[in-house]
Amino acid sequence: MGEKIPSLRALAADYGVAELTVHGAIRELQHAGVLESSTGRGTFVRALPDEVASNADALEALRAEVADLRERVEALEKERQSR
């Protein structure tokens, strides 16, 4: 992690694709949290894909727990109002 990736031009040349294709791929990886760009410095590896997946699993578990807590609070509020 933290390694700087090559420029768009270099990646496009290495893989034999258009720079626009590389730009789109980098944008997708940024959105997924794998890469992070810094103006004037370049683009760096922020997390490995396995770590991103693990973080996504943890986030989903937290969302499920919050949903469960919401349901429990709503049930308690209904019970309280019916008294």
C-alpha atoms as a PDB file:
ATOM      1  CA  MET A   1       0.000   0.000   0.000  1.00  0.00           C
ATOM      2  CA  GLY A   2       1.033   3.554  -0.581  1.00  0.00           C
ATOM      3  CA  GLU A   3       2.837   2.774  -3.833  1.00  0.00           C
ATOM      4  CA  LYS A   4       2.502   5.268  -6.650  1.00  0.00           C
ATOM      5  CA  ILE A   5       1.068   3.819  -9.854  1.00  0.00           C
ATOM      6  CA  PRO A   6       2.455   4.745 -13.293  1.00  0.00           C
ATOM      7  CA  SER A   7       0.974   7.613 -15.293  1.00  0.00           C
ATOM      8  CA  LEU A   8      -2.074   7.201 -17.535  1.00  0.00           C
ATOM      9  CA  ARG A   9       0.137   7.402 -20.596  1.00  0.00           C
ATOM     10  CA  ALA A  10       2.525   4.741 -19.289  1.00  0.00           C
ATOM     11  CA  LEU A  11      -0.307   2.384 -18.300  1.00  0.00           C
ATOM     12  CA  ALA A  12      -2.017   2.881 -21.671  1.00  0.00           C
ATOM     13  CA  ALA A  13       1.230   2.050 -23.486  1.00  0.00           C
ATOM     14  CA  ASP A  14       1.962  -0.969 -21.268  1.00  0.00           C
ATOM     15  CA  TYR A  15      -1.489  -2.483 -21.786  1.00  0.00           C
ATOM     16  CA  GLY A  16      -2.040  -1.317 -25.360  1.00  0.00           C
ATOM     17  CA  VAL A  17      -5.266   0.539 -24.607  1.00  0.00           C
ATOM     18  CA  ALA A  18      -6.448   4.133 -24.900  1.00  0.00           C
ATOM     19  CA  GLU A  19      -5.676   6.586 -22.100  1.00  0.00           C
ATOM     20  CA  LEU A  20      -9.426   7.124 -21.728  1.00  0.00           C
ATOM     21  CA  THR A  21      -9.792   3.404 -20.948  1.00  0.00           C
ATOM     22  CA  VAL A  22      -7.096   3.616 -18.267  1.00  0.00           C
ATOM     23  CA  HIS A  23      -8.684   6.769 -16.871  1.00  0.00           C
ATOM     24  CA  GLY A  24     -12.030   4.976 -16.545  1.00  0.00           C
ATOM     25  CA  ALA A  25     -10.429   2.005 -14.818  1.00  0.00           C
ATOM     26  CA  ILE A  26      -8.604   4.266 -12.372  1.00  0.00           C
ATOM     27  CA  ARG A  27     -11.807   6.152 -11.645  1.00  0.00           C
ATOM     28  CA  GLU A  28     -13.568   2.839 -10.880  1.00  0.00           C
ATOM     29  CA  LEU A  29     -10.738   1.805  -8.549  1.00  0.00           C
ATOM     30  CA  GLN A  30     -10.899   5.188  -6.815  1.00  0.00           C
ATOM     31  CA  HIS A  31     -14.631   4.763  -6.304  1.00  0.00           C
ATOM     32  CA  ALA A  32     -14.010   1.297  -4.839  1.00  0.00           C
ATOM     33  CA  GLY A  33     -11.452   2.767  -2.430  1.00  0.00           C
ATOM     34  CA  VAL A  34      -8.466   0.944  -3.927  1.00  0.00           C
ATOM     35  CA  LEU A  35      -6.724   4.028  -5.369  1.00  0.00           C
ATOM     36  CA  GLU A  36      -6.415   7.627  -4.215  1.00  0.00           C
ATOM     37  CA  SER A  37      -5.238  10.556  -6.338  1.00  0.00           C
ATOM     38  CA  SER A  38      -3.448  13.618  -5.095  1.00  0.00           C
ATOM     39  CA  THR A  39      -3.242  16.650  -7.378  1.00  0.00           C
ATOM     40  CA  GLY A  40       0.335  17.237  -8.458  1.00  0.00           C
ATOM     41  CA  ARG A  41       1.602  14.081  -6.775  1.00  0.00           C
ATOM     42  CA  GLY A  42      -0.052  11.202  -8.634  1.00  0.00           C
ATOM     43  CA  THR A  43      -2.248   8.233  -7.884  1.00  0.00           C
ATOM     44  CA  PHE A  44      -1.461   5.862  -5.044  1.00  0.00           C
ATOM     45  CA  VAL A  45      -2.619   2.458  -3.836  1.00  0.00           C
ATOM     46  CA  ARG A  46      -4.852   3.098  -0.862  1.00  0.00           C
ATOM     47  CA  ALA A  47      -6.022  -0.440  -0.075  1.00  0.00           C
ATOM     48  CA  LEU A  48      -5.714  -3.868  -1.558  1.00  0.00           C
ATOM     49  CA  PRO A  49      -8.905  -5.248  -3.130  1.00  0.00           C
ATOM     50  CA  ASP A  50      -9.233  -7.902  -0.381  1.00  0.00           C
ATOM     51  CA  GLU A  51      -9.127  -5.159   2.255  1.00  0.00           C
ATOM     52  CA  VAL A  52     -11.796  -3.195   0.394  1.00  0.00           C
ATOM     53  CA  ALA A  53     -13.997  -6.301   0.254  1.00  0.00           C
ATOM     54  CA  SER A  54     -13.414  -6.891   3.956  1.00  0.00           C
ATOM     55  CA  ASN A  55     -14.336  -3.272   4.707  1.00  0.00           C
ATOM     56  CA  ALA A  56     -17.465  -3.637   2.580  1.00  0.00           C
ATOM     57  CA  ASP A  57     -18.443  -6.764   4.537  1.00  0.00           C
ATOM     58  CA  ALA A  58     -17.919  -4.914   7.824  1.00  0.00           C
ATOM     59  CA  LEU A  59     -19.988  -1.996   6.580  1.00  0.00           C
ATOM     60  CA  GLU A  60     -22.812  -4.323   5.539  1.00  0.00           C
ATOM     61  CA  ALA A  61     -22.727  -5.968   8.979  1.00  0.00           C
ATOM     62  CA  LEU A  62     -22.995  -2.552  10.634  1.00  0.00           C
ATOM     63  CA  ARG A  63     -25.914  -1.611   8.382  1.00  0.00           C
ATOM     64  CA  ALA A  64     -27.715  -4.820   9.346  1.00  0.00           C
ATOM     65  CA  GLU A  65     -27.101  -4.147  13.024  1.00  0.00           C
ATOM     66  CA  VAL A  66     -28.411  -0.582  12.712  1.00  0.00           C
ATOM     67  CA  ALA A  67     -31.524  -1.861  10.917  1.00  0.00           C
ATOM     68  CA  ASP A  68     -32.091  -4.384  13.718  1.00  0.00           C
ATOM     69  CA  LEU A  69     -31.681  -1.698  16.373  1.00  0.00           C
ATOM     70  CA  ARG A  70     -34.078   0.586  14.485  1.00  0.00           C
ATOM     71  CA  GLU A  71     -36.732  -2.147  14.476  1.00  0.00           C
ATOM     72  CA  ARG A  72     -36.264  -2.777  18.188  1.00  0.00           C
ATOM     73  CA  VAL A  73     -36.552   0.925  19.060  1.00  0.00           C
ATOM     74  CA  GLU A  74     -39.681   1.270  16.922  1.00  0.00           C
ATOM     75  CA  ALA A  75     -41.238  -1.731  18.677  1.00  0.00           C
ATOM     76  CA  LEU A  76     -40.426  -0.224  22.093  1.00  0.00           C
ATOM     77  CA  GLU A  77     -41.900   3.125  21.050  1.00  0.00           C
ATOM     78  CA  LYS A  78     -45.126   1.458  19.847  1.00  0.00           C
ATOM     79  CA  GLU A  79     -45.360  -0.477  23.082  1.00  0.00           C
ATOM     80  CA  ARG A  80     -44.836   2.694  25.094  1.00  0.00           C
ATOM     81  CA  GLN A  81     -47.508   4.589  23.120  1.00  0.00           C
ATOM     82  CA  SER A  82     -50.085   1.827  23.610  1.00  0.00           C
ATOM     83  CA  ARG A  83     -49.883   2.082  27.405  1.00  0.00           C
END
